[in-house]
Amino acid sequence: MRERPLITGFYQDDDGDWVVTLSCGHTQHVRHRPPFMQRPWVVSEAGRQAQLGQPFECGWCRQARAR
């Protein structure tokens, strides 16, 4: 199993949704929209800061490995 990339930063897209930048070079939207997405840490600056450096499953890398 490969190691998951780390969260290296955040920014907001044109719609105001948060996007993580990952150490693998990819980006991914992160939303807290219960019950479908449970990411309460994304709604506060402190929550996002606490996630910096944490592993995050990259959907783009996962798709590439599946091929």
N, C-alpha and C. Protein backbone atom coordinates (compact mmCIF):
# COMPACT_ATOMS: atom_id res chain seq x y z
N MET A 1 0.83 -1.18 0.00
CA MET A 1 0.00 0.00 0.00
C MET A 1 0.88 1.25 0.00
N ARG A 2 0.54 2.18 -0.83
CA ARG A 2 1.31 3.42 -0.90
C ARG A 2 0.88 4.39 0.18
N GLU A 3 1.83 5.23 0.57
CA GLU A 3 1.48 6.25 1.54
C GLU A 3 0.59 7.30 0.90
N ARG A 4 -0.31 7.81 1.68
CA ARG A 4 -1.18 8.88 1.19
C ARG A 4 -0.41 10.19 1.17
N PRO A 5 -0.70 11.06 0.19
CA PRO A 5 -0.05 12.37 0.17
C PRO A 5 -0.49 13.20 1.37
N LEU A 6 0.26 14.25 1.65
CA LEU A 6 -0.02 15.12 2.78
C LEU A 6 -0.71 16.40 2.30
N ILE A 7 -1.53 16.96 3.17
CA ILE A 7 -2.15 18.25 2.89
C ILE A 7 -1.08 19.33 3.06
N THR A 8 -0.88 20.12 2.01
CA THR A 8 0.13 21.18 2.07
C THR A 8 -0.47 22.58 2.10
N GLY A 9 -1.75 22.71 1.80
CA GLY A 9 -2.38 24.02 1.83
C GLY A 9 -3.85 23.96 1.46
N PHE A 10 -4.48 25.12 1.53
CA PHE A 10 -5.90 25.27 1.22
C PHE A 10 -6.11 26.55 0.43
N TYR A 11 -7.13 26.55 -0.39
CA TYR A 11 -7.61 27.79 -1.00
C TYR A 11 -9.09 27.63 -1.31
N GLN A 12 -9.75 28.74 -1.56
CA GLN A 12 -11.16 28.70 -1.92
C GLN A 12 -11.32 28.90 -3.42
N ASP A 13 -12.21 28.11 -4.02
CA ASP A 13 -12.47 28.25 -5.45
C ASP A 13 -13.43 29.42 -5.69
N ASP A 14 -13.82 29.63 -6.92
CA ASP A 14 -14.68 30.76 -7.28
C ASP A 14 -16.06 30.70 -6.62
N ASP A 15 -16.48 29.51 -6.22
CA ASP A 15 -17.78 29.35 -5.56
C ASP A 15 -17.68 29.42 -4.04
N GLY A 16 -16.46 29.60 -3.52
CA GLY A 16 -16.26 29.66 -2.07
C GLY A 16 -16.06 28.32 -1.41
N ASP A 17 -15.96 27.25 -2.20
CA ASP A 17 -15.70 25.93 -1.63
C ASP A 17 -14.20 25.77 -1.38
N TRP A 18 -13.86 25.05 -0.33
CA TRP A 18 -12.45 24.83 0.02
C TRP A 18 -11.85 23.71 -0.81
N VAL A 19 -10.58 23.90 -1.17
CA VAL A 19 -9.82 22.94 -1.95
C VAL A 19 -8.51 22.70 -1.22
N VAL A 20 -8.11 21.43 -1.09
CA VAL A 20 -6.80 21.12 -0.50
C VAL A 20 -5.77 21.00 -1.61
N THR A 21 -4.56 21.44 -1.32
CA THR A 21 -3.43 21.13 -2.19
C THR A 21 -2.66 20.02 -1.50
N LEU A 22 -2.22 19.06 -2.29
CA LEU A 22 -1.59 17.86 -1.74
C LEU A 22 -0.14 17.75 -2.18
N SER A 23 0.64 17.03 -1.40
CA SER A 23 2.07 16.87 -1.69
C SER A 23 2.32 16.12 -2.98
N CYS A 24 1.33 15.41 -3.50
CA CYS A 24 1.48 14.69 -4.77
C CYS A 24 1.32 15.64 -5.96
N GLY A 25 0.92 16.89 -5.70
CA GLY A 25 0.73 17.87 -6.76
C GLY A 25 -0.71 18.04 -7.20
N HIS A 26 -1.60 17.19 -6.70
CA HIS A 26 -3.01 17.29 -7.05
C HIS A 26 -3.76 18.20 -6.08
N THR A 27 -4.98 18.55 -6.46
CA THR A 27 -5.88 19.30 -5.59
C THR A 27 -7.19 18.53 -5.49
N GLN A 28 -7.93 18.78 -4.42
CA GLN A 28 -9.22 18.12 -4.26
C GLN A 28 -10.13 18.99 -3.41
N HIS A 29 -11.39 19.11 -3.83
CA HIS A 29 -12.37 19.84 -3.03
C HIS A 29 -12.62 19.10 -1.72
N VAL A 30 -12.79 19.86 -0.66
CA VAL A 30 -13.16 19.30 0.64
C VAL A 30 -14.36 20.07 1.16
N ARG A 31 -15.41 19.34 1.46
CA ARG A 31 -16.66 19.97 1.90
C ARG A 31 -17.19 19.25 3.13
N HIS A 32 -17.89 20.01 3.95
CA HIS A 32 -18.60 19.43 5.08
C HIS A 32 -20.08 19.57 4.76
N ARG A 33 -20.66 18.51 4.23
CA ARG A 33 -22.07 18.50 3.85
C ARG A 33 -22.72 17.21 4.36
N PRO A 34 -22.99 17.18 5.68
CA PRO A 34 -23.63 15.99 6.23
C PRO A 34 -24.97 15.71 5.55
N PRO A 35 -25.38 14.48 5.44
CA PRO A 35 -24.70 13.27 5.93
C PRO A 35 -23.73 12.68 4.92
N PHE A 36 -23.58 13.31 3.77
CA PHE A 36 -22.75 12.72 2.71
C PHE A 36 -21.26 12.91 2.93
N MET A 37 -20.85 14.08 3.33
CA MET A 37 -19.44 14.37 3.59
C MET A 37 -19.30 14.85 5.03
N GLN A 38 -18.48 14.17 5.79
CA GLN A 38 -18.27 14.51 7.20
C GLN A 38 -16.86 15.06 7.38
N ARG A 39 -16.70 16.34 7.15
CA ARG A 39 -15.40 16.99 7.35
C ARG A 39 -15.61 18.30 8.10
N PRO A 40 -16.00 18.23 9.36
CA PRO A 40 -16.28 19.46 10.11
C PRO A 40 -15.06 20.38 10.25
N TRP A 41 -13.86 19.83 10.13
CA TRP A 41 -12.65 20.63 10.27
C TRP A 41 -12.49 21.66 9.16
N VAL A 42 -13.18 21.49 8.04
CA VAL A 42 -12.99 22.40 6.92
C VAL A 42 -13.68 23.76 7.12
N VAL A 43 -14.64 23.84 8.04
CA VAL A 43 -15.42 25.07 8.19
C VAL A 43 -14.74 26.15 9.01
N SER A 44 -13.65 25.84 9.71
CA SER A 44 -12.97 26.85 10.51
C SER A 44 -11.49 26.93 10.13
N GLU A 45 -10.94 28.12 10.30
CA GLU A 45 -9.51 28.32 10.03
C GLU A 45 -8.67 27.41 10.92
N ALA A 46 -9.03 27.32 12.20
CA ALA A 46 -8.28 26.46 13.13
C ALA A 46 -8.35 25.00 12.70
N GLY A 47 -9.51 24.57 12.24
CA GLY A 47 -9.67 23.19 11.78
C GLY A 47 -8.80 22.90 10.56
N ARG A 48 -8.79 23.84 9.61
CA ARG A 48 -7.96 23.64 8.42
C ARG A 48 -6.48 23.65 8.78
N GLN A 49 -6.07 24.57 9.64
CA GLN A 49 -4.67 24.64 10.04
C GLN A 49 -4.22 23.35 10.73
N ALA A 50 -5.11 22.75 11.51
CA ALA A 50 -4.78 21.50 12.21
C ALA A 50 -4.58 20.35 11.23
N GLN A 51 -5.13 20.45 10.03
CA GLN A 51 -5.00 19.37 9.04
C GLN A 51 -3.74 19.48 8.18
N LEU A 52 -3.08 20.64 8.22
CA LEU A 52 -1.85 20.78 7.43
C LEU A 52 -0.84 19.71 7.83
N GLY A 53 -0.26 19.05 6.85
CA GLY A 53 0.71 17.99 7.11
C GLY A 53 0.10 16.62 7.37
N GLN A 54 -1.22 16.55 7.40
CA GLN A 54 -1.90 15.28 7.64
C GLN A 54 -2.10 14.52 6.32
N PRO A 55 -2.08 13.19 6.36
CA PRO A 55 -2.33 12.40 5.15
C PRO A 55 -3.77 12.59 4.67
N PHE A 56 -3.94 12.51 3.35
CA PHE A 56 -5.26 12.68 2.74
C PHE A 56 -5.33 11.79 1.51
N GLU A 57 -6.39 11.03 1.38
CA GLU A 57 -6.55 10.14 0.23
C GLU A 57 -6.78 10.97 -1.03
N CYS A 58 -5.90 10.82 -2.01
CA CYS A 58 -6.02 11.54 -3.28
C CYS A 58 -6.78 10.69 -4.28
N GLY A 59 -7.94 11.17 -4.69
CA GLY A 59 -8.74 10.45 -5.66
C GLY A 59 -8.06 10.30 -7.01
N TRP A 60 -7.30 11.31 -7.41
CA TRP A 60 -6.59 11.25 -8.70
C TRP A 60 -5.51 10.18 -8.68
N CYS A 61 -4.74 10.11 -7.61
CA CYS A 61 -3.69 9.08 -7.50
C CYS A 61 -4.32 7.69 -7.41
N ARG A 62 -5.43 7.57 -6.68
CA ARG A 62 -6.11 6.28 -6.56
C ARG A 62 -6.58 5.80 -7.92
N GLN A 63 -7.13 6.68 -8.74
CA GLN A 63 -7.57 6.31 -10.08
C GLN A 63 -6.40 5.86 -10.94
N ALA A 64 -5.27 6.55 -10.83
CA ALA A 64 -4.10 6.20 -11.63
C ALA A 64 -3.57 4.82 -11.23
N ARG A 65 -3.60 4.50 -9.93
CA ARG A 65 -3.13 3.19 -9.47
C ARG A 65 -4.05 2.07 -9.94
N ALA A 66 -5.33 2.37 -10.11
CA ALA A 66 -6.31 1.35 -10.51
C ALA A 66 -6.16 0.94 -11.97
N ARG A 67 -5.47 1.73 -12.75
CA ARG A 67 -5.33 1.41 -14.18
C ARG A 67 -4.33 0.33 -14.42
